[in-house]
Amino acid sequence: MPSESQPREVRPAVSIVMPCRNEAGDIEATLLSILKQEPPLGGFEVVVADGRSEDGTRSILERMSAA
C-alpha cells in the first residue's frame, strides 16, 4: 500500500485486449477507430497480442505504439 508521500498507481478503468495475426490490412484503421472513442471515466488501455504475424502487422503496431 502506498504511503501518503508516494504517488498512487493509476490504472485504466477499461482494458481492450485484441488478439491478431496477419492483420496488416486492417490493424491501423481498427486501432484508430478505438482511439477515437470517448474514453470512460478512468480512461482505457489497448493491449494488442500479436500471434507471430508475418505480413508487417508487428511493424505497424510498433510504429503506432511509438506515436
PDB file of N, CA and C in Angstrom:
ATOM      1  N   MET A   1       0.843  -1.174   0.000  1.00  0.00           N
ATOM      2  CA  MET A   1       0.000   0.000   0.000  1.00  0.00           C
ATOM      3  C   MET A   1       0.892   1.243   0.000  1.00  0.00           C
ATOM      4  N   PRO A   2       0.649   2.199  -0.917  1.00  0.00           N
ATOM      5  CA  PRO A   2       1.493   3.388  -0.962  1.00  0.00           C
ATOM      6  C   PRO A   2       1.248   4.279   0.251  1.00  0.00           C
ATOM      7  N   SER A   3       2.304   4.924   0.678  1.00  0.00           N
ATOM      8  CA  SER A   3       2.165   5.862   1.786  1.00  0.00           C
ATOM      9  C   SER A   3       1.639   7.181   1.246  1.00  0.00           C
ATOM     10  N   GLU A   4       1.355   8.104   2.150  1.00  0.00           N
ATOM     11  CA  GLU A   4       0.831   9.408   1.754  1.00  0.00           C
ATOM     12  C   GLU A   4       1.781  10.154   0.826  1.00  0.00           C
ATOM     13  N   SER A   5       3.094   9.946   0.966  1.00  0.00           N
ATOM     14  CA  SER A   5       4.063  10.684   0.162  1.00  0.00           C
ATOM     15  C   SER A   5       4.328  10.035  -1.194  1.00  0.00           C
ATOM     16  N   GLN A   6       3.917   8.790  -1.382  1.00  0.00           N
ATOM     17  CA  GLN A   6       4.150   8.106  -2.648  1.00  0.00           C
ATOM     18  C   GLN A   6       2.937   8.271  -3.558  1.00  0.00           C
ATOM     19  N   PRO A   7       3.176   8.489  -4.857  1.00  0.00           N
ATOM     20  CA  PRO A   7       2.037   8.598  -5.772  1.00  0.00           C
ATOM     21  C   PRO A   7       1.345   7.245  -5.916  1.00  0.00           C
ATOM     22  N   ARG A   8       0.064   7.296  -6.101  1.00  0.00           N
ATOM     23  CA  ARG A   8      -0.710   6.063  -6.292  1.00  0.00           C
ATOM     24  C   ARG A   8      -0.601   5.622  -7.744  1.00  0.00           C
ATOM     25  N   GLU A   9      -0.590   4.337  -7.951  1.00  0.00           N
ATOM     26  CA  GLU A   9      -0.556   3.791  -9.306  1.00  0.00           C
ATOM     27  C   GLU A   9      -1.910   4.047  -9.960  1.00  0.00           C
ATOM     28  N   VAL A  10      -1.883   4.584 -11.165  1.00  0.00           N
ATOM     29  CA  VAL A  10      -3.114   4.866 -11.884  1.00  0.00           C
ATOM     30  C   VAL A  10      -3.360   3.717 -12.863  1.00  0.00           C
ATOM     31  N   ARG A  11      -4.518   3.133 -12.756  1.00  0.00           N
ATOM     32  CA  ARG A  11      -4.884   2.033 -13.646  1.00  0.00           C
ATOM     33  C   ARG A  11      -6.078   2.457 -14.482  1.00  0.00           C
ATOM     34  N   PRO A  12      -6.102   2.052 -15.750  1.00  0.00           N
ATOM     35  CA  PRO A  12      -7.250   2.405 -16.575  1.00  0.00           C
ATOM     36  C   PRO A  12      -8.497   1.668 -16.101  1.00  0.00           C
ATOM     37  N   ALA A  13      -9.644   2.287 -16.337  1.00  0.00           N
ATOM     38  CA  ALA A  13     -10.916   1.684 -15.944  1.00  0.00           C
ATOM     39  C   ALA A  13     -11.300   0.536 -16.874  1.00  0.00           C
ATOM     40  N   VAL A  14     -10.858   0.611 -18.136  1.00  0.00           N
ATOM     41  CA  VAL A  14     -11.235  -0.391 -19.139  1.00  0.00           C
ATOM     42  C   VAL A  14      -9.991  -0.852 -19.879  1.00  0.00           C
ATOM     43  N   SER A  15      -9.891  -2.156 -20.083  1.00  0.00           N
ATOM     44  CA  SER A  15      -8.818  -2.732 -20.898  1.00  0.00           C
ATOM     45  C   SER A  15      -9.446  -3.371 -22.134  1.00  0.00           C
ATOM     46  N   ILE A  16      -8.942  -3.015 -23.291  1.00  0.00           N
ATOM     47  CA  ILE A  16      -9.377  -3.629 -24.544  1.00  0.00           C
ATOM     48  C   ILE A  16      -8.240  -4.539 -24.986  1.00  0.00           C
ATOM     49  N   VAL A  17      -8.518  -5.832 -25.092  1.00  0.00           N
ATOM     50  CA  VAL A  17      -7.497  -6.804 -25.478  1.00  0.00           C
ATOM     51  C   VAL A  17      -7.856  -7.329 -26.865  1.00  0.00           C
ATOM     52  N   MET A  18      -6.918  -7.146 -27.812  1.00  0.00           N
ATOM     53  CA  MET A  18      -7.141  -7.549 -29.195  1.00  0.00           C
ATOM     54  C   MET A  18      -6.101  -8.572 -29.632  1.00  0.00           C
ATOM     55  N   PRO A  19      -6.499  -9.818 -29.789  1.00  0.00           N
ATOM     56  CA  PRO A  19      -5.570 -10.758 -30.405  1.00  0.00           C
ATOM     57  C   PRO A  19      -5.568 -10.520 -31.920  1.00  0.00           C
ATOM     58  N   CYS A  20      -4.424 -10.682 -32.554  1.00  0.00           N
ATOM     59  CA  CYS A  20      -4.383 -10.516 -34.009  1.00  0.00           C
ATOM     60  C   CYS A  20      -3.270 -11.371 -34.595  1.00  0.00           C
ATOM     61  N   ARG A  21      -3.419 -11.663 -35.867  1.00  0.00           N
ATOM     62  CA  ARG A  21      -2.376 -12.360 -36.629  1.00  0.00           C
ATOM     63  C   ARG A  21      -2.566 -12.020 -38.097  1.00  0.00           C
ATOM     64  N   ASN A  22      -1.525 -11.494 -38.687  1.00  0.00           N
ATOM     65  CA  ASN A  22      -1.540 -11.136 -40.111  1.00  0.00           C
ATOM     66  C   ASN A  22      -2.714 -10.213 -40.447  1.00  0.00           C
ATOM     67  N   GLU A  23      -2.765  -9.077 -39.767  1.00  0.00           N
ATOM     68  CA  GLU A  23      -3.840  -8.103 -39.956  1.00  0.00           C
ATOM     69  C   GLU A  23      -3.311  -6.767 -40.488  1.00  0.00           C
ATOM     70  N   ALA A  24      -2.227  -6.791 -41.245  1.00  0.00           N
ATOM     71  CA  ALA A  24      -1.618  -5.549 -41.739  1.00  0.00           C
ATOM     72  C   ALA A  24      -2.610  -4.686 -42.518  1.00  0.00           C
ATOM     73  N   GLY A  25      -3.538  -5.291 -43.198  1.00  0.00           N
ATOM     74  CA  GLY A  25      -4.503  -4.538 -43.991  1.00  0.00           C
ATOM     75  C   GLY A  25      -5.557  -3.812 -43.178  1.00  0.00           C
ATOM     76  N   ASP A  26      -5.765  -4.225 -41.928  1.00  0.00           N
ATOM     77  CA  ASP A  26      -6.862  -3.665 -41.133  1.00  0.00           C
ATOM     78  C   ASP A  26      -6.472  -3.131 -39.764  1.00  0.00           C
ATOM     79  N   ILE A  27      -5.310  -3.490 -39.251  1.00  0.00           N
ATOM     80  CA  ILE A  27      -4.994  -3.194 -37.857  1.00  0.00           C
ATOM     81  C   ILE A  27      -4.931  -1.695 -37.570  1.00  0.00           C
ATOM     82  N   GLU A  28      -4.367  -0.911 -38.470  1.00  0.00           N
ATOM     83  CA  GLU A  28      -4.240   0.522 -38.203  1.00  0.00           C
ATOM     84  C   GLU A  28      -5.611   1.196 -38.132  1.00  0.00           C
ATOM     85  N   ALA A  29      -6.478   0.918 -39.079  1.00  0.00           N
ATOM     86  CA  ALA A  29      -7.820   1.510 -39.074  1.00  0.00           C
ATOM     87  C   ALA A  29      -8.602   1.059 -37.843  1.00  0.00           C
ATOM     88  N   THR A  30      -8.438  -0.187 -37.459  1.00  0.00           N
ATOM     89  CA  THR A  30      -9.132  -0.696 -36.276  1.00  0.00           C
ATOM     90  C   THR A  30      -8.679   0.034 -35.023  1.00  0.00           C
ATOM     91  N   LEU A  31      -7.375   0.163 -34.849  1.00  0.00           N
ATOM     92  CA  LEU A  31      -6.856   0.852 -33.667  1.00  0.00           C
ATOM     93  C   LEU A  31      -7.225   2.332 -33.668  1.00  0.00           C
ATOM     94  N   LEU A  32      -7.156   2.986 -34.814  1.00  0.00           N
ATOM     95  CA  LEU A  32      -7.537   4.392 -34.884  1.00  0.00           C
ATOM     96  C   LEU A  32      -9.008   4.579 -34.516  1.00  0.00           C
ATOM     97  N   SER A  33      -9.849   3.648 -34.923  1.00  0.00           N
ATOM     98  CA  SER A  33     -11.264   3.706 -34.578  1.00  0.00           C
ATOM     99  C   SER A  33     -11.460   3.586 -33.068  1.00  0.00           C
ATOM    100  N   ILE A  34     -10.731   2.691 -32.447  1.00  0.00           N
ATOM    101  CA  ILE A  34     -10.809   2.533 -30.991  1.00  0.00           C
ATOM    102  C   ILE A  34     -10.330   3.799 -30.296  1.00  0.00           C
ATOM    103  N   LEU A  35      -9.216   4.343 -30.759  1.00  0.00           N
ATOM    104  CA  LEU A  35      -8.628   5.515 -30.112  1.00  0.00           C
ATOM    105  C   LEU A  35      -9.472   6.779 -30.278  1.00  0.00           C
ATOM    106  N   LYS A  36     -10.374   6.803 -31.261  1.00  0.00           N
ATOM    107  CA  LYS A  36     -11.261   7.951 -31.460  1.00  0.00           C
ATOM    108  C   LYS A  36     -12.434   7.962 -30.483  1.00  0.00           C
ATOM    109  N   GLN A  37     -12.664   6.856 -29.824  1.00  0.00           N
ATOM    110  CA  GLN A  37     -13.797   6.755 -28.907  1.00  0.00           C
ATOM    111  C   GLN A  37     -13.607   7.682 -27.714  1.00  0.00           C
ATOM    112  N   GLU A  38     -14.701   8.165 -27.181  1.00  0.00           N
ATOM    113  CA  GLU A  38     -14.631   8.963 -25.961  1.00  0.00           C
ATOM    114  C   GLU A  38     -14.301   8.017 -24.815  1.00  0.00           C
ATOM    115  N   PRO A  39     -13.220   8.283 -24.091  1.00  0.00           N
ATOM    116  CA  PRO A  39     -12.822   7.356 -23.037  1.00  0.00           C
ATOM    117  C   PRO A  39     -13.789   7.395 -21.854  1.00  0.00           C
ATOM    118  N   PRO A  40     -13.979   6.267 -21.183  1.00  0.00           N
ATOM    119  CA  PRO A  40     -14.805   6.255 -19.979  1.00  0.00           C
ATOM    120  C   PRO A  40     -14.069   6.957 -18.845  1.00  0.00           C
ATOM    121  N   LEU A  41     -14.776   7.261 -17.778  1.00  0.00           N
ATOM    122  CA  LEU A  41     -14.116   7.806 -16.599  1.00  0.00           C
ATOM    123  C   LEU A  41     -13.028   6.841 -16.168  1.00  0.00           C
ATOM    124  N   GLY A  42     -11.852   7.325 -15.964  1.00  0.00           N
ATOM    125  CA  GLY A  42     -10.729   6.463 -15.601  1.00  0.00           C
ATOM    126  C   GLY A  42      -9.896   6.044 -16.786  1.00  0.00           C
ATOM    127  N   GLY A  43     -10.362   6.329 -18.006  1.00  0.00           N
ATOM    128  CA  GLY A  43      -9.590   6.028 -19.204  1.00  0.00           C
ATOM    129  C   GLY A  43      -9.628   4.566 -19.614  1.00  0.00           C
ATOM    130  N   PHE A  44      -8.889   4.267 -20.673  1.00  0.00           N
ATOM    131  CA  PHE A  44      -8.784   2.884 -21.145  1.00  0.00           C
ATOM    132  C   PHE A  44      -7.398   2.631 -21.691  1.00  0.00           C
ATOM    133  N   GLU A  45      -7.082   1.357 -21.816  1.00  0.00           N
ATOM    134  CA  GLU A  45      -5.831   0.931 -22.434  1.00  0.00           C
ATOM    135  C   GLU A  45      -6.176  -0.062 -23.528  1.00  0.00           C
ATOM    136  N   VAL A  46      -5.297  -0.144 -24.514  1.00  0.00           N
ATOM    137  CA  VAL A  46      -5.458  -1.117 -25.592  1.00  0.00           C
ATOM    138  C   VAL A  46      -4.245  -2.029 -25.570  1.00  0.00           C
ATOM    139  N   VAL A  47      -4.501  -3.320 -25.451  1.00  0.00           N
ATOM    140  CA  VAL A  47      -3.438  -4.319 -25.450  1.00  0.00           C
ATOM    141  C   VAL A  47      -3.634  -5.174 -26.697  1.00  0.00           C
ATOM    142  N   VAL A  48      -2.626  -5.179 -27.576  1.00  0.00           N
ATOM    143  CA  VAL A  48      -2.707  -5.982 -28.790  1.00  0.00           C
ATOM    144  C   VAL A  48      -1.750  -7.150 -28.647  1.00  0.00           C
ATOM    145  N   ALA A  49      -2.284  -8.363 -28.760  1.00  0.00           N
ATOM    146  CA  ALA A  49      -1.484  -9.580 -28.665  1.00  0.00           C
ATOM    147  C   ALA A  49      -1.271 -10.116 -30.082  1.00  0.00           C
ATOM    148  N   ASP A  50      -0.072  -9.900 -30.600  1.00  0.00           N
ATOM    149  CA  ASP A  50       0.245 -10.334 -31.961  1.00  0.00           C
ATOM    150  C   ASP A  50       0.681 -11.792 -31.951  1.00  0.00           C
ATOM    151  N   GLY A  51       0.018 -12.602 -32.751  1.00  0.00           N
ATOM    152  CA  GLY A  51       0.302 -14.039 -32.814  1.00  0.00           C
ATOM    153  C   GLY A  51       1.272 -14.394 -33.915  1.00  0.00           C
ATOM    154  N   ARG A  52       2.472 -13.819 -33.863  1.00  0.00           N
ATOM    155  CA  ARG A  52       3.528 -14.128 -34.837  1.00  0.00           C
ATOM    156  C   ARG A  52       3.156 -13.752 -36.267  1.00  0.00           C
ATOM    157  N   SER A  53       2.652 -12.556 -36.428  1.00  0.00           N
ATOM    158  CA  SER A  53       2.293 -12.083 -37.768  1.00  0.00           C
ATOM    159  C   SER A  53       3.513 -12.082 -38.674  1.00  0.00           C
ATOM    160  N   GLU A  54       3.256 -12.378 -39.951  1.00  0.00           N
ATOM    161  CA  GLU A  54       4.330 -12.441 -40.944  1.00  0.00           C
ATOM    162  C   GLU A  54       4.097 -11.458 -42.088  1.00  0.00           C
ATOM    163  N   ASP A  55       3.144 -10.540 -41.923  1.00  0.00           N
ATOM    164  CA  ASP A  55       2.780  -9.659 -43.022  1.00  0.00           C
ATOM    165  C   ASP A  55       3.042  -8.177 -42.750  1.00  0.00           C
ATOM    166  N   GLY A  56       3.811  -7.872 -41.721  1.00  0.00           N
ATOM    167  CA  GLY A  56       4.098  -6.476 -41.406  1.00  0.00           C
ATOM    168  C   GLY A  56       3.217  -5.896 -40.308  1.00  0.00           C
ATOM    169  N   THR A  57       2.330  -6.697 -39.773  1.00  0.00           N
ATOM    170  CA  THR A  57       1.456  -6.231 -38.692  1.00  0.00           C
ATOM    171  C   THR A  57       2.271  -5.689 -37.531  1.00  0.00           C
ATOM    172  N   ARG A  58       3.293  -6.412 -37.139  1.00  0.00           N
ATOM    173  CA  ARG A  58       4.091  -6.004 -35.985  1.00  0.00           C
ATOM    174  C   ARG A  58       4.748  -4.646 -36.206  1.00  0.00           C
ATOM    175  N   SER A  59       5.262  -4.379 -37.391  1.00  0.00           N
ATOM    176  CA  SER A  59       5.903  -3.083 -37.631  1.00  0.00           C
ATOM    177  C   SER A  59       4.877  -1.951 -37.573  1.00  0.00           C
ATOM    178  N   ILE A  60       3.657  -2.200 -38.001  1.00  0.00           N
ATOM    179  CA  ILE A  60       2.586  -1.202 -37.891  1.00  0.00           C
ATOM    180  C   ILE A  60       2.288  -0.940 -36.419  1.00  0.00           C
ATOM    181  N   LEU A  61       2.191  -2.013 -35.642  1.00  0.00           N
ATOM    182  CA  LEU A  61       1.923  -1.865 -34.207  1.00  0.00           C
ATOM    183  C   LEU A  61       3.051  -1.105 -33.501  1.00  0.00           C
ATOM    184  N   GLU A  62       4.276  -1.410 -33.851  1.00  0.00           N
ATOM    185  CA  GLU A  62       5.424  -0.710 -33.237  1.00  0.00           C
ATOM    186  C   GLU A  62       5.403   0.775 -33.586  1.00  0.00           C
ATOM    187  N   ARG A  63       5.113   1.088 -34.839  1.00  0.00           N
ATOM    188  CA  ARG A  63       5.044   2.492 -35.270  1.00  0.00           C
ATOM    189  C   ARG A  63       3.941   3.229 -34.528  1.00  0.00           C
ATOM    190  N   MET A  64       2.775   2.605 -34.426  1.00  0.00           N
ATOM    191  CA  MET A  64       1.653   3.254 -33.749  1.00  0.00           C
ATOM    192  C   MET A  64       1.914   3.413 -32.258  1.00  0.00           C
ATOM    193  N   SER A  65       2.568   2.431 -31.675  1.00  0.00           N
ATOM    194  CA  SER A  65       2.880   2.489 -30.254  1.00  0.00           C
ATOM    195  C   SER A  65       3.853   3.613 -29.954  1.00  0.00           C
ATOM    196  N   ALA A  66       4.809   3.829 -30.835  1.00  0.00           N
ATOM    197  CA  ALA A  66       5.788   4.892 -30.643  1.00  0.00           C
ATOM    198  C   ALA A  66       5.148   6.282 -30.771  1.00  0.00           C
ATOM    199  N   ALA A  67       4.093   6.365 -31.584  1.00  0.00           N
ATOM    200  CA  ALA A  67       3.401   7.647 -31.775  1.00  0.00           C
ATOM    201  C   ALA A  67       2.530   7.902 -30.592  1.00  0.00           C
TER     202      ALA A  67
END
